[in-house]
Amino acid sequence: MVTPEETLFTIPCEAVFNTHPSVFRTALVGVGEKGKQLPVLCVELEKGIRANKEKVRQELMDLAKAHIHTQGISTILFHPAFPVDIRHNAKIFREKLAVWAARSLK
């Protein structure tokens, strides 16, 4: 995804945030006009844990600041269960998440 300042690559960025113990998986999506997108990190928490989302958000922001390739990510949204391909649970429908993120930010 391309922001006005940089190009962000999903896999290396998501790898940083996926190290958090409360995070099941993350998906980096772009909201807005191509080339001027706002990077939004969508977060799916581990099932069955009671996490304080604001605490987790702050910890994820601290992780973002600690890595050069994630410092431009400052918007984090929590999603209950990512839309995925039923044949390949690992394939996240990022397009659907981007639409959800755009609606959530309004």
PDB file of N, CA and C in Angstrom:
ATOM      1  N   MET A   1       0.827  -1.171   0.000  1.00  0.00           N
ATOM      2  CA  MET A   1       0.000   0.000   0.000  1.00  0.00           C
ATOM      3  C   MET A   1       0.876   1.240   0.000  1.00  0.00           C
ATOM      4  N   VAL A   2       0.407   2.268  -0.679  1.00  0.00           N
ATOM      5  CA  VAL A   2       1.220   3.463  -0.865  1.00  0.00           C
ATOM      6  C   VAL A   2       0.573   4.651  -0.149  1.00  0.00           C
ATOM      7  N   THR A   3       1.332   5.241   0.758  1.00  0.00           N
ATOM      8  CA  THR A   3       0.901   6.447   1.453  1.00  0.00           C
ATOM      9  C   THR A   3       1.589   7.632   0.765  1.00  0.00           C
ATOM     10  N   PRO A   4       1.250   8.856   1.137  1.00  0.00           N
ATOM     11  CA  PRO A   4       1.975   9.993   0.548  1.00  0.00           C
ATOM     12  C   PRO A   4       3.464   9.982   0.896  1.00  0.00           C
ATOM     13  N   GLU A   5       3.848   9.335   1.997  1.00  0.00           N
ATOM     14  CA  GLU A   5       5.240   9.342   2.456  1.00  0.00           C
ATOM     15  C   GLU A   5       6.048   8.116   2.055  1.00  0.00           C
ATOM     16  N   GLU A   6       5.377   6.949   1.914  1.00  0.00           N
ATOM     17  CA  GLU A   6       6.139   5.710   1.728  1.00  0.00           C
ATOM     18  C   GLU A   6       5.270   4.592   1.178  1.00  0.00           C
ATOM     19  N   THR A   7       5.933   3.506   0.811  1.00  0.00           N
ATOM     20  CA  THR A   7       5.254   2.275   0.441  1.00  0.00           C
ATOM     21  C   THR A   7       5.434   1.296   1.582  1.00  0.00           C
ATOM     22  N   LEU A   8       4.321   0.731   2.046  1.00  0.00           N
ATOM     23  CA  LEU A   8       4.359  -0.240   3.138  1.00  0.00           C
ATOM     24  C   LEU A   8       4.029  -1.618   2.581  1.00  0.00           C
ATOM     25  N   PHE A   9       4.780  -2.609   3.019  1.00  0.00           N
ATOM     26  CA  PHE A   9       4.575  -3.979   2.577  1.00  0.00           C
ATOM     27  C   PHE A   9       3.929  -4.769   3.716  1.00  0.00           C
ATOM     28  N   THR A  10       2.838  -5.446   3.403  1.00  0.00           N
ATOM     29  CA  THR A  10       2.014  -6.065   4.439  1.00  0.00           C
ATOM     30  C   THR A  10       2.746  -7.095   5.287  1.00  0.00           C
ATOM     31  N   ILE A  11       3.414  -8.030   4.665  1.00  0.00           N
ATOM     32  CA  ILE A  11       3.997  -9.145   5.428  1.00  0.00           C
ATOM     33  C   ILE A  11       5.038  -8.683   6.445  1.00  0.00           C
ATOM     34  N   PRO A  12       6.020  -7.857   6.079  1.00  0.00           N
ATOM     35  CA  PRO A  12       6.985  -7.425   7.096  1.00  0.00           C
ATOM     36  C   PRO A  12       6.359  -6.555   8.186  1.00  0.00           C
ATOM     37  N   CYS A  13       5.380  -5.736   7.808  1.00  0.00           N
ATOM     38  CA  CYS A  13       4.733  -4.891   8.827  1.00  0.00           C
ATOM     39  C   CYS A  13       3.907  -5.745   9.785  1.00  0.00           C
ATOM     40  N   GLU A  14       3.108  -6.634   9.233  1.00  0.00           N
ATOM     41  CA  GLU A  14       2.256  -7.479  10.076  1.00  0.00           C
ATOM     42  C   GLU A  14       3.082  -8.372  10.993  1.00  0.00           C
ATOM     43  N   ALA A  15       4.228  -8.820  10.535  1.00  0.00           N
ATOM     44  CA  ALA A  15       5.088  -9.685  11.353  1.00  0.00           C
ATOM     45  C   ALA A  15       5.479  -9.012  12.665  1.00  0.00           C
ATOM     46  N   VAL A  16       5.672  -7.706  12.636  1.00  0.00           N
ATOM     47  CA  VAL A  16       6.025  -6.972  13.857  1.00  0.00           C
ATOM     48  C   VAL A  16       4.895  -7.077  14.877  1.00  0.00           C
ATOM     49  N   PHE A  17       3.666  -6.833  14.437  1.00  0.00           N
ATOM     50  CA  PHE A  17       2.522  -6.792  15.342  1.00  0.00           C
ATOM     51  C   PHE A  17       2.054  -8.182  15.763  1.00  0.00           C
ATOM     52  N   ASN A  18       2.288  -9.171  14.914  1.00  0.00           N
ATOM     53  CA  ASN A  18       1.868 -10.537  15.231  1.00  0.00           C
ATOM     54  C   ASN A  18       2.671 -11.146  16.379  1.00  0.00           C
ATOM     55  N   THR A  19       3.730 -10.478  16.809  1.00  0.00           N
ATOM     56  CA  THR A  19       4.522 -10.988  17.937  1.00  0.00           C
ATOM     57  C   THR A  19       3.841 -10.725  19.273  1.00  0.00           C
ATOM     58  N   HIS A  20       2.855  -9.835  19.300  1.00  0.00           N
ATOM     59  CA  HIS A  20       2.173  -9.511  20.562  1.00  0.00           C
ATOM     60  C   HIS A  20       1.398 -10.742  21.044  1.00  0.00           C
ATOM     61  N   PRO A  21       1.511 -11.107  22.316  1.00  0.00           N
ATOM     62  CA  PRO A  21       0.874 -12.334  22.804  1.00  0.00           C
ATOM     63  C   PRO A  21      -0.653 -12.344  22.744  1.00  0.00           C
ATOM     64  N   SER A  22      -1.294 -11.191  22.713  1.00  0.00           N
ATOM     65  CA  SER A  22      -2.759 -11.141  22.649  1.00  0.00           C
ATOM     66  C   SER A  22      -3.296 -11.139  21.223  1.00  0.00           C
ATOM     67  N   VAL A  23      -2.408 -11.045  20.246  1.00  0.00           N
ATOM     68  CA  VAL A  23      -2.811 -10.921  18.839  1.00  0.00           C
ATOM     69  C   VAL A  23      -2.814 -12.288  18.161  1.00  0.00           C
ATOM     70  N   PHE A  24      -3.949 -12.611  17.532  1.00  0.00           N
ATOM     71  CA  PHE A  24      -4.035 -13.828  16.727  1.00  0.00           C
ATOM     72  C   PHE A  24      -3.437 -13.567  15.353  1.00  0.00           C
ATOM     73  N   ARG A  25      -3.883 -12.468  14.712  1.00  0.00           N
ATOM     74  CA  ARG A  25      -3.331 -12.072  13.421  1.00  0.00           C
ATOM     75  C   ARG A  25      -3.680 -10.614  13.152  1.00  0.00           C
ATOM     76  N   THR A  26      -2.932 -10.039  12.223  1.00  0.00           N
ATOM     77  CA  THR A  26      -3.164  -8.659  11.821  1.00  0.00           C
ATOM     78  C   THR A  26      -3.223  -8.589  10.300  1.00  0.00           C
ATOM     79  N   ALA A  27      -3.807  -7.509   9.833  1.00  0.00           N
ATOM     80  CA  ALA A  27      -3.850  -7.253   8.391  1.00  0.00           C
ATOM     81  C   ALA A  27      -3.689  -5.755   8.187  1.00  0.00           C
ATOM     82  N   LEU A  28      -2.710  -5.378   7.408  1.00  0.00           N
ATOM     83  CA  LEU A  28      -2.493  -3.983   7.074  1.00  0.00           C
ATOM     84  C   LEU A  28      -3.268  -3.670   5.802  1.00  0.00           C
ATOM     85  N   VAL A  29      -4.150  -2.682   5.884  1.00  0.00           N
ATOM     86  CA  VAL A  29      -4.935  -2.291   4.720  1.00  0.00           C
ATOM     87  C   VAL A  29      -4.795  -0.793   4.502  1.00  0.00           C
ATOM     88  N   GLY A  30      -5.089  -0.375   3.288  1.00  0.00           N
ATOM     89  CA  GLY A  30      -5.055   1.048   2.959  1.00  0.00           C
ATOM     90  C   GLY A  30      -6.461   1.586   2.816  1.00  0.00           C
ATOM     91  N   VAL A  31      -6.689   2.761   3.385  1.00  0.00           N
ATOM     92  CA  VAL A  31      -7.990   3.413   3.281  1.00  0.00           C
ATOM     93  C   VAL A  31      -7.789   4.725   2.539  1.00  0.00           C
ATOM     94  N   GLY A  32      -8.618   4.927   1.532  1.00  0.00           N
ATOM     95  CA  GLY A  32      -8.541   6.173   0.785  1.00  0.00           C
ATOM     96  C   GLY A  32      -8.020   5.973  -0.625  1.00  0.00           C
ATOM     97  N   GLU A  33      -7.730   7.101  -1.244  1.00  0.00           N
ATOM     98  CA  GLU A  33      -7.299   7.130  -2.635  1.00  0.00           C
ATOM     99  C   GLU A  33      -5.932   6.467  -2.810  1.00  0.00           C
ATOM    100  N   LYS A  34      -5.825   5.651  -3.836  1.00  0.00           N
ATOM    101  CA  LYS A  34      -4.543   4.984  -4.110  1.00  0.00           C
ATOM    102  C   LYS A  34      -3.435   6.018  -4.248  1.00  0.00           C
ATOM    103  N   GLY A  35      -2.307   5.710  -3.633  1.00  0.00           N
ATOM    104  CA  GLY A  35      -1.175   6.622  -3.646  1.00  0.00           C
ATOM    105  C   GLY A  35      -1.201   7.608  -2.492  1.00  0.00           C
ATOM    106  N   LYS A  36      -2.356   7.734  -1.853  1.00  0.00           N
ATOM    107  CA  LYS A  36      -2.515   8.651  -0.726  1.00  0.00           C
ATOM    108  C   LYS A  36      -3.243   7.956   0.420  1.00  0.00           C
ATOM    109  N   GLN A  37      -3.035   6.659   0.521  1.00  0.00           N
ATOM    110  CA  GLN A  37      -3.790   5.879   1.483  1.00  0.00           C
ATOM    111  C   GLN A  37      -3.320   6.074   2.922  1.00  0.00           C
ATOM    112  N   LEU A  38      -4.277   5.946   3.821  1.00  0.00           N
ATOM    113  CA  LEU A  38      -3.994   5.908   5.252  1.00  0.00           C
ATOM    114  C   LEU A  38      -3.756   4.452   5.614  1.00  0.00           C
ATOM    115  N   PRO A  39      -2.598   4.127   6.213  1.00  0.00           N
ATOM    116  CA  PRO A  39      -2.381   2.738   6.624  1.00  0.00           C
ATOM    117  C   PRO A  39      -3.179   2.439   7.893  1.00  0.00           C
ATOM    118  N   VAL A  40      -3.955   1.369   7.838  1.00  0.00           N
ATOM    119  CA  VAL A  40      -4.776   0.953   8.981  1.00  0.00           C
ATOM    120  C   VAL A  40      -4.419  -0.483   9.319  1.00  0.00           C
ATOM    121  N   LEU A  41      -4.050  -0.690  10.570  1.00  0.00           N
ATOM    122  CA  LEU A  41      -3.757  -2.045  11.026  1.00  0.00           C
ATOM    123  C   LEU A  41      -5.023  -2.619  11.644  1.00  0.00           C
ATOM    124  N   CYS A  42      -5.531  -3.683  11.032  1.00  0.00           N
ATOM    125  CA  CYS A  42      -6.676  -4.396  11.575  1.00  0.00           C
ATOM    126  C   CYS A  42      -6.123  -5.530  12.441  1.00  0.00           C
ATOM    127  N   VAL A  43      -6.697  -5.682  13.615  1.00  0.00           N
ATOM    128  CA  VAL A  43      -6.178  -6.645  14.582  1.00  0.00           C
ATOM    129  C   VAL A  43      -7.288  -7.602  14.995  1.00  0.00           C
ATOM    130  N   GLU A  44      -6.989  -8.887  14.926  1.00  0.00           N
ATOM    131  CA  GLU A  44      -7.872  -9.923  15.453  1.00  0.00           C
ATOM    132  C   GLU A  44      -7.170 -10.501  16.680  1.00  0.00           C
ATOM    133  N   LEU A  45      -7.816 -10.373  17.817  1.00  0.00           N
ATOM    134  CA  LEU A  45      -7.219 -10.866  19.061  1.00  0.00           C
ATOM    135  C   LEU A  45      -7.372 -12.374  19.179  1.00  0.00           C
ATOM    136  N   GLU A  46      -6.518 -12.957  20.004  1.00  0.00           N
ATOM    137  CA  GLU A  46      -6.611 -14.392  20.294  1.00  0.00           C
ATOM    138  C   GLU A  46      -7.991 -14.693  20.877  1.00  0.00           C
ATOM    139  N   LYS A  47      -8.551 -15.811  20.486  1.00  0.00           N
ATOM    140  CA  LYS A  47      -9.861 -16.216  21.001  1.00  0.00           C
ATOM    141  C   LYS A  47      -9.746 -16.615  22.477  1.00  0.00           C
ATOM    142  N   GLY A  48     -10.770 -16.283  23.235  1.00  0.00           N
ATOM    143  CA  GLY A  48     -10.847 -16.744  24.607  1.00  0.00           C
ATOM    144  C   GLY A  48     -10.053 -15.944  25.624  1.00  0.00           C
ATOM    145  N   ILE A  49      -9.387 -14.881  25.199  1.00  0.00           N
ATOM    146  CA  ILE A  49      -8.681 -14.069  26.187  1.00  0.00           C
ATOM    147  C   ILE A  49      -9.427 -12.756  26.370  1.00  0.00           C
ATOM    148  N   ARG A  50      -9.346 -12.225  27.556  1.00  0.00           N
ATOM    149  CA  ARG A  50      -9.986 -10.946  27.848  1.00  0.00           C
ATOM    150  C   ARG A  50      -8.898  -9.887  27.882  1.00  0.00           C
ATOM    151  N   ALA A  51      -8.693  -9.243  26.768  1.00  0.00           N
ATOM    152  CA  ALA A  51      -7.635  -8.248  26.667  1.00  0.00           C
ATOM    153  C   ALA A  51      -8.235  -6.850  26.761  1.00  0.00           C
ATOM    154  N   ASN A  52      -7.533  -5.968  27.416  1.00  0.00           N
ATOM    155  CA  ASN A  52      -7.896  -4.559  27.448  1.00  0.00           C
ATOM    156  C   ASN A  52      -7.434  -3.971  26.114  1.00  0.00           C
ATOM    157  N   LYS A  53      -8.388  -3.652  25.244  1.00  0.00           N
ATOM    158  CA  LYS A  53      -8.043  -3.219  23.889  1.00  0.00           C
ATOM    159  C   LYS A  53      -7.213  -1.941  23.883  1.00  0.00           C
ATOM    160  N   GLU A  54      -7.473  -1.030  24.788  1.00  0.00           N
ATOM    161  CA  GLU A  54      -6.691   0.213  24.811  1.00  0.00           C
ATOM    162  C   GLU A  54      -5.248  -0.054  25.237  1.00  0.00           C
ATOM    163  N   LYS A  55      -5.072  -0.992  26.152  1.00  0.00           N
ATOM    164  CA  LYS A  55      -3.714  -1.383  26.568  1.00  0.00           C
ATOM    165  C   LYS A  55      -2.992  -2.069  25.400  1.00  0.00           C
ATOM    166  N   VAL A  56      -3.692  -2.977  24.739  1.00  0.00           N
ATOM    167  CA  VAL A  56      -3.104  -3.667  23.583  1.00  0.00           C
ATOM    168  C   VAL A  56      -2.786  -2.660  22.485  1.00  0.00           C
ATOM    169  N   ARG A  57      -3.695  -1.714  22.247  1.00  0.00           N
ATOM    170  CA  ARG A  57      -3.457  -0.682  21.226  1.00  0.00           C
ATOM    171  C   ARG A  57      -2.167   0.083  21.535  1.00  0.00           C
ATOM    172  N   GLN A  58      -1.981   0.475  22.791  1.00  0.00           N
ATOM    173  CA  GLN A  58      -0.780   1.228  23.160  1.00  0.00           C
ATOM    174  C   GLN A  58       0.471   0.374  22.990  1.00  0.00           C
ATOM    175  N   GLU A  59       0.393  -0.889  23.364  1.00  0.00           N
ATOM    176  CA  GLU A  59       1.539  -1.789  23.199  1.00  0.00           C
ATOM    177  C   GLU A  59       1.873  -1.985  21.722  1.00  0.00           C
ATOM    178  N   LEU A  60       0.841  -2.056  20.871  1.00  0.00           N
ATOM    179  CA  LEU A  60       1.076  -2.184  19.438  1.00  0.00           C
ATOM    180  C   LEU A  60       1.677  -0.899  18.872  1.00  0.00           C
ATOM    181  N   MET A  61       1.250   0.243  19.371  1.00  0.00           N
ATOM    182  CA  MET A  61       1.843   1.517  18.933  1.00  0.00           C
ATOM    183  C   MET A  61       3.310   1.584  19.345  1.00  0.00           C
ATOM    184  N   ASP A  62       3.633   1.080  20.532  1.00  0.00           N
ATOM    185  CA  ASP A  62       5.025   1.037  20.972  1.00  0.00           C
ATOM    186  C   ASP A  62       5.853   0.136  20.055  1.00  0.00           C
ATOM    187  N   LEU A  63       5.267  -1.003  19.657  1.00  0.00           N
ATOM    188  CA  LEU A  63       5.958  -1.885  18.700  1.00  0.00           C
ATOM    189  C   LEU A  63       6.170  -1.164  17.376  1.00  0.00           C
ATOM    190  N   ALA A  64       5.160  -0.438  16.920  1.00  0.00           N
ATOM    191  CA  ALA A  64       5.273   0.286  15.640  1.00  0.00           C
ATOM    192  C   ALA A  64       6.415   1.287  15.685  1.00  0.00           C
ATOM    193  N   LYS A  65       6.517   2.019  16.765  1.00  0.00           N
ATOM    194  CA  LYS A  65       7.554   3.045  16.892  1.00  0.00           C
ATOM    195  C   LYS A  65       8.960   2.443  16.961  1.00  0.00           C
ATOM    196  N   ALA A  66       9.055   1.187  17.404  1.00  0.00           N
ATOM    197  CA  ALA A  66      10.353   0.545  17.591  1.00  0.00           C
ATOM    198  C   ALA A  66      10.950  -0.015  16.297  1.00  0.00           C
ATOM    199  N   HIS A  67      10.184  -0.014  15.219  1.00  0.00           N
ATOM    200  CA  HIS A  67      10.650  -0.576  13.948  1.00  0.00           C
ATOM    201  C   HIS A  67      10.486   0.458  12.845  1.00  0.00           C
ATOM    202  N   ILE A  68      11.532   0.694  12.108  1.00  0.00           N
ATOM    203  CA  ILE A  68      11.541   1.733  11.078  1.00  0.00           C
ATOM    204  C   ILE A  68      10.441   1.527  10.039  1.00  0.00           C
ATOM    205  N   HIS A  69      10.172   0.286   9.668  1.00  0.00           N
ATOM    206  CA  HIS A  69       9.198   0.035   8.604  1.00  0.00           C
ATOM    207  C   HIS A  69       7.750   0.054   9.086  1.00  0.00           C
ATOM    208  N   THR A  70       7.505   0.276  10.388  1.00  0.00           N
ATOM    209  CA  THR A  70       6.133   0.363  10.888  1.00  0.00           C
ATOM    210  C   THR A  70       5.845   1.705  11.570  1.00  0.00           C
ATOM    211  N   GLN A  71       6.797   2.593  11.575  1.00  0.00           N
ATOM    212  CA  GLN A  71       6.605   3.868  12.261  1.00  0.00           C
ATOM    213  C   GLN A  71       5.495   4.723  11.662  1.00  0.00           C
ATOM    214  N   GLY A  72       5.160   4.506  10.411  1.00  0.00           N
ATOM    215  CA  GLY A  72       4.102   5.275   9.754  1.00  0.00           C
ATOM    216  C   GLY A  72       2.698   4.766  10.027  1.00  0.00           C
ATOM    217  N   ILE A  73       2.578   3.698  10.813  1.00  0.00           N
ATOM    218  CA  ILE A  73       1.261   3.122  11.122  1.00  0.00           C
ATOM    219  C   ILE A  73       0.808   3.662  12.471  1.00  0.00           C
ATOM    220  N   SER A  74      -0.296   4.398  12.458  1.00  0.00           N
ATOM    221  CA  SER A  74      -0.789   4.963  13.720  1.00  0.00           C
ATOM    222  C   SER A  74      -2.279   4.747  13.934  1.00  0.00           C
ATOM    223  N   THR A  75      -2.930   4.058  12.996  1.00  0.00           N
ATOM    224  CA  THR A  75      -4.355   3.769  13.141  1.00  0.00           C
ATOM    225  C   THR A  75      -4.531   2.269  13.316  1.00  0.00           C
ATOM    226  N   ILE A  76      -5.157   1.894  14.427  1.00  0.00           N
ATOM    227  CA  ILE A  76      -5.363   0.484  14.752  1.00  0.00           C
ATOM    228  C   ILE A  76      -6.836   0.264  15.050  1.00  0.00           C
ATOM    229  N   LEU A  77      -7.419  -0.732  14.385  1.00  0.00           N
ATOM    230  CA  LEU A  77      -8.812  -1.106  14.616  1.00  0.00           C
ATOM    231  C   LEU A  77      -8.874  -2.578  14.997  1.00  0.00           C
ATOM    232  N   PHE A  78      -9.761  -2.913  15.913  1.00  0.00           N
ATOM    233  CA  PHE A  78      -9.942  -4.298  16.332  1.00  0.00           C
ATOM    234  C   PHE A  78     -11.155  -4.873  15.613  1.00  0.00           C
ATOM    235  N   HIS A  79     -10.956  -6.023  14.997  1.00  0.00           N
ATOM    236  CA  HIS A  79     -12.008  -6.706  14.238  1.00  0.00           C
ATOM    237  C   HIS A  79     -12.298  -8.030  14.948  1.00  0.00           C
ATOM    238  N   PRO A  80     -13.564  -8.412  15.076  1.00  0.00           N
ATOM    239  CA  PRO A  80     -13.879  -9.647  15.810  1.00  0.00           C
ATOM    240  C   PRO A  80     -13.405 -10.931  15.136  1.00  0.00           C
ATOM    241  N   ALA A  81     -13.464 -10.996  13.809  1.00  0.00           N
ATOM    242  CA  ALA A  81     -13.036 -12.200  13.075  1.00  0.00           C
ATOM    243  C   ALA A  81     -12.847 -11.829  11.615  1.00  0.00           C
ATOM    244  N   PHE A  82     -11.614 -11.876  11.145  1.00  0.00           N
ATOM    245  CA  PHE A  82     -11.306 -11.474   9.780  1.00  0.00           C
ATOM    246  C   PHE A  82     -12.094 -12.295   8.759  1.00  0.00           C
ATOM    247  N   PRO A  83     -12.515 -11.645   7.678  1.00  0.00           N
ATOM    248  CA  PRO A  83     -13.109 -12.410   6.584  1.00  0.00           C
ATOM    249  C   PRO A  83     -11.998 -13.165   5.864  1.00  0.00           C
ATOM    250  N   VAL A  84     -12.171 -14.472   5.737  1.00  0.00           N
ATOM    251  CA  VAL A  84     -11.145 -15.306   5.108  1.00  0.00           C
ATOM    252  C   VAL A  84     -11.777 -16.231   4.082  1.00  0.00           C
ATOM    253  N   ASP A  85     -10.959 -16.714   3.184  1.00  0.00           N
ATOM    254  CA  ASP A  85     -11.361 -17.699   2.196  1.00  0.00           C
ATOM    255  C   ASP A  85     -11.653 -19.001   2.950  1.00  0.00           C
ATOM    256  N   ILE A  86     -12.847 -19.557   2.775  1.00  0.00           N
ATOM    257  CA  ILE A  86     -13.207 -20.758   3.533  1.00  0.00           C
ATOM    258  C   ILE A  86     -12.345 -21.968   3.173  1.00  0.00           C
ATOM    259  N   ARG A  87     -11.736 -21.936   1.995  1.00  0.00           N
ATOM    260  CA  ARG A  87     -10.864 -23.038   1.592  1.00  0.00           C
ATOM    261  C   ARG A  87      -9.466 -22.903   2.180  1.00  0.00           C
ATOM    262  N   HIS A  88      -9.053 -21.651   2.417  1.00  0.00           N
ATOM    263  CA  HIS A  88      -7.707 -21.373   2.905  1.00  0.00           C
ATOM    264  C   HIS A  88      -7.830 -20.347   4.031  1.00  0.00           C
ATOM    265  N   ASN A  89      -8.006 -20.801   5.230  1.00  0.00           N
ATOM    266  CA  ASN A  89      -8.256 -19.913   6.364  1.00  0.00           C
ATOM    267  C   ASN A  89      -7.185 -18.841   6.515  1.00  0.00           C
ATOM    268  N   ALA A  90      -6.004 -19.070   5.987  1.00  0.00           N
ATOM    269  CA  ALA A  90      -4.923 -18.095   6.117  1.00  0.00           C
ATOM    270  C   ALA A  90      -5.072 -16.939   5.124  1.00  0.00           C
ATOM    271  N   LYS A  91      -5.876 -17.111   4.066  1.00  0.00           N
ATOM    272  CA  LYS A  91      -6.039 -16.055   3.061  1.00  0.00           C
ATOM    273  C   LYS A  91      -7.091 -15.058   3.537  1.00  0.00           C
ATOM    274  N   ILE A  92      -6.619 -13.893   3.946  1.00  0.00           N
ATOM    275  CA  ILE A  92      -7.493 -12.842   4.458  1.00  0.00           C
ATOM    276  C   ILE A  92      -8.013 -12.018   3.288  1.00  0.00           C
ATOM    277  N   PHE A  93      -9.301 -11.725   3.293  1.00  0.00           N
ATOM    278  CA  PHE A  93      -9.885 -10.847   2.280  1.00  0.00           C
ATOM    279  C   PHE A  93      -9.619  -9.394   2.679  1.00  0.00           C
ATOM    280  N   ARG A  94      -8.449  -8.904   2.305  1.00  0.00           N
ATOM    281  CA  ARG A  94      -8.030  -7.544   2.673  1.00  0.00           C
ATOM    282  C   ARG A  94      -8.948  -6.485   2.080  1.00  0.00           C
ATOM    283  N   GLU A  95      -9.502  -6.758   0.898  1.00  0.00           N
ATOM    284  CA  GLU A  95     -10.388  -5.786   0.271  1.00  0.00           C
ATOM    285  C   GLU A  95     -11.616  -5.547   1.154  1.00  0.00           C
ATOM    286  N   LYS A  96     -12.185  -6.625   1.695  1.00  0.00           N
ATOM    287  CA  LYS A  96     -13.345  -6.497   2.580  1.00  0.00           C
ATOM    288  C   LYS A  96     -12.954  -5.779   3.874  1.00  0.00           C
ATOM    289  N   LEU A  97     -11.772  -6.097   4.391  1.00  0.00           N
ATOM    290  CA  LEU A  97     -11.311  -5.421   5.606  1.00  0.00           C
ATOM    291  C   LEU A  97     -11.103  -3.930   5.358  1.00  0.00           C
ATOM    292  N   ALA A  98     -10.601  -3.568   4.191  1.00  0.00           N
ATOM    293  CA  ALA A  98     -10.384  -2.150   3.874  1.00  0.00           C
ATOM    294  C   ALA A  98     -11.712  -1.398   3.837  1.00  0.00           C
ATOM    295  N   VAL A  99     -12.741  -2.013   3.281  1.00  0.00           N
ATOM    296  CA  VAL A  99     -14.074  -1.390   3.247  1.00  0.00           C
ATOM    297  C   VAL A  99     -14.598  -1.233   4.679  1.00  0.00           C
ATOM    298  N   TRP A 100     -14.456  -2.274   5.484  1.00  0.00           N
ATOM    299  CA  TRP A 100     -14.888  -2.215   6.888  1.00  0.00           C
ATOM    300  C   TRP A 100     -14.120  -1.123   7.636  1.00  0.00           C
ATOM    301  N   ALA A 101     -12.815  -1.042   7.417  1.00  0.00           N
ATOM    302  CA  ALA A 101     -11.993  -0.037   8.098  1.00  0.00           C
ATOM    303  C   ALA A 101     -12.435   1.368   7.701  1.00  0.00           C
ATOM    304  N   ALA A 102     -12.682   1.580   6.426  1.00  0.00           N
ATOM    305  CA  ALA A 102     -13.118   2.903   5.965  1.00  0.00           C
ATOM    306  C   ALA A 102     -14.432   3.304   6.627  1.00  0.00           C
ATOM    307  N   ARG A 103     -15.365   2.361   6.725  1.00  0.00           N
ATOM    308  CA  ARG A 103     -16.644   2.655   7.396  1.00  0.00           C
ATOM    309  C   ARG A 103     -16.430   2.911   8.890  1.00  0.00           C
ATOM    310  N   SER A 104     -15.542   2.151   9.501  1.00  0.00           N
ATOM    311  CA  SER A 104     -15.291   2.298  10.941  1.00  0.00           C
ATOM    312  C   SER A 104     -14.642   3.629  11.291  1.00  0.00           C
ATOM    313  N   LEU A 105     -13.905   4.205  10.363  1.00  0.00           N
ATOM    314  CA  LEU A 105     -13.205   5.460  10.621  1.00  0.00           C
ATOM    315  C   LEU A 105     -14.080   6.699  10.401  1.00  0.00           C
ATOM    316  N   LYS A 106     -15.257   6.519   9.829  1.00  0.00           N
ATOM    317  CA  LYS A 106     -16.142   7.674   9.572  1.00  0.00           C
ATOM    318  C   LYS A 106     -16.842   8.120  10.828  1.00  0.00           C
TER     319      LYS A 106
END
